[in-house]
Amino acid sequence: MLLALPLLAGCLERGRSPIAESMGDDNQYCQARAAVGSPEYVACRKDRDVQRQNAEVRSDRRQRDLGEYMMNHPDVH
């Protein structure tokens, strides 16, 4: 468990999650598809927000499940 702490601490660095980093810049992504301020642009930004939130929930769930597994199976390396 102590070996995992430095790795987990890196996820919290700068307040940005790895999910946010991997999805890139929403503004740039949506500008490439629609004019800023247009209904299509607004919809694109909302869709990206939902995608990011869903990815964060999945990531959090996997991390929680791993922690629970480790707590319930302390004899497994």
Protein backbone atom coordinates (compact mmCIF):
# COMPACT_ATOMS: atom_id res chain seq x y z
CA MET A 1 0.00 0.00 0.00
CA LEU A 2 2.80 2.41 0.86
CA LEU A 3 4.38 1.77 -2.51
CA ALA A 4 1.22 2.96 -4.29
CA LEU A 5 0.99 6.30 -2.47
CA PRO A 6 3.61 8.14 -4.57
CA LEU A 7 1.91 6.92 -7.73
CA LEU A 8 -1.50 8.06 -6.54
CA ALA A 9 -0.14 11.42 -5.41
CA GLY A 10 0.92 12.12 -8.98
CA CYS A 11 -2.72 11.95 -10.07
CA LEU A 12 -3.57 14.88 -7.83
CA GLU A 13 -0.74 17.07 -9.04
CA ARG A 14 -1.83 20.47 -10.39
CA GLY A 15 -5.49 19.62 -9.73
CA ARG A 16 -5.95 18.08 -13.17
CA SER A 17 -6.90 14.49 -13.59
CA PRO A 18 -5.35 12.15 -16.15
CA ILE A 19 -8.79 11.98 -17.79
CA ALA A 20 -8.83 15.72 -18.36
CA GLU A 21 -5.30 15.61 -19.74
CA SER A 22 -6.10 12.78 -22.14
CA MET A 23 -9.21 14.46 -23.57
CA GLY A 24 -7.33 17.59 -24.55
CA ASP A 25 -8.63 21.13 -24.92
CA ASP A 26 -12.42 21.18 -25.26
CA ASN A 27 -12.44 24.70 -26.67
CA GLN A 28 -10.02 23.81 -29.45
CA TYR A 29 -11.84 20.54 -30.17
CA CYS A 30 -15.24 22.22 -30.47
CA GLN A 31 -13.94 25.25 -32.40
CA ALA A 32 -12.70 22.85 -35.06
CA ARG A 33 -16.28 21.61 -35.48
CA ALA A 34 -18.41 24.73 -35.05
CA ALA A 35 -18.26 28.51 -34.66
CA VAL A 36 -17.87 29.78 -31.10
CA GLY A 37 -21.25 30.68 -29.63
CA SER A 38 -23.26 28.67 -32.14
CA PRO A 39 -25.75 26.07 -30.89
CA GLU A 40 -23.50 23.34 -32.30
CA TYR A 41 -20.52 24.70 -30.33
CA VAL A 42 -22.54 24.86 -27.11
CA ALA A 43 -23.79 21.30 -27.66
CA CYS A 44 -20.22 20.13 -28.33
CA ARG A 45 -18.98 21.67 -25.08
CA LYS A 46 -21.85 20.11 -23.13
CA ASP A 47 -21.16 16.71 -24.72
CA ARG A 48 -17.47 16.97 -23.81
CA ASP A 49 -18.40 17.84 -20.21
CA VAL A 50 -20.66 14.78 -19.98
CA GLN A 51 -17.97 12.55 -21.53
CA ARG A 52 -15.37 13.82 -19.06
CA GLN A 53 -17.70 13.38 -16.08
CA ASN A 54 -18.55 9.82 -17.14
CA ALA A 55 -14.87 8.98 -17.58
CA GLU A 56 -14.08 10.42 -14.14
CA VAL A 57 -16.86 8.34 -12.56
CA ARG A 58 -15.56 5.17 -14.23
CA SER A 59 -12.01 5.94 -13.14
CA ASP A 60 -13.07 6.66 -9.56
CA ARG A 61 -15.10 3.44 -9.46
CA ARG A 62 -12.15 1.38 -10.73
CA GLN A 63 -9.84 2.96 -8.16
CA ARG A 64 -12.34 2.33 -5.36
CA ASP A 65 -12.84 -1.28 -6.48
CA LEU A 66 -9.08 -1.84 -6.55
CA GLY A 67 -8.72 -0.41 -3.04
CA GLU A 68 -11.53 -2.62 -1.76
CA TYR A 69 -9.97 -5.66 -3.42
CA MET A 70 -6.61 -4.89 -1.85
CA MET A 71 -8.19 -4.47 1.58
CA ASN A 72 -10.13 -7.74 1.24
CA HIS A 73 -7.15 -9.72 -0.11
CA PRO A 74 -4.11 -8.63 1.92
CA ASP A 75 -2.30 -11.92 1.27
CA VAL A 76 -2.16 -11.44 -2.53
CA HIS A 77 0.96 -9.71 -3.83
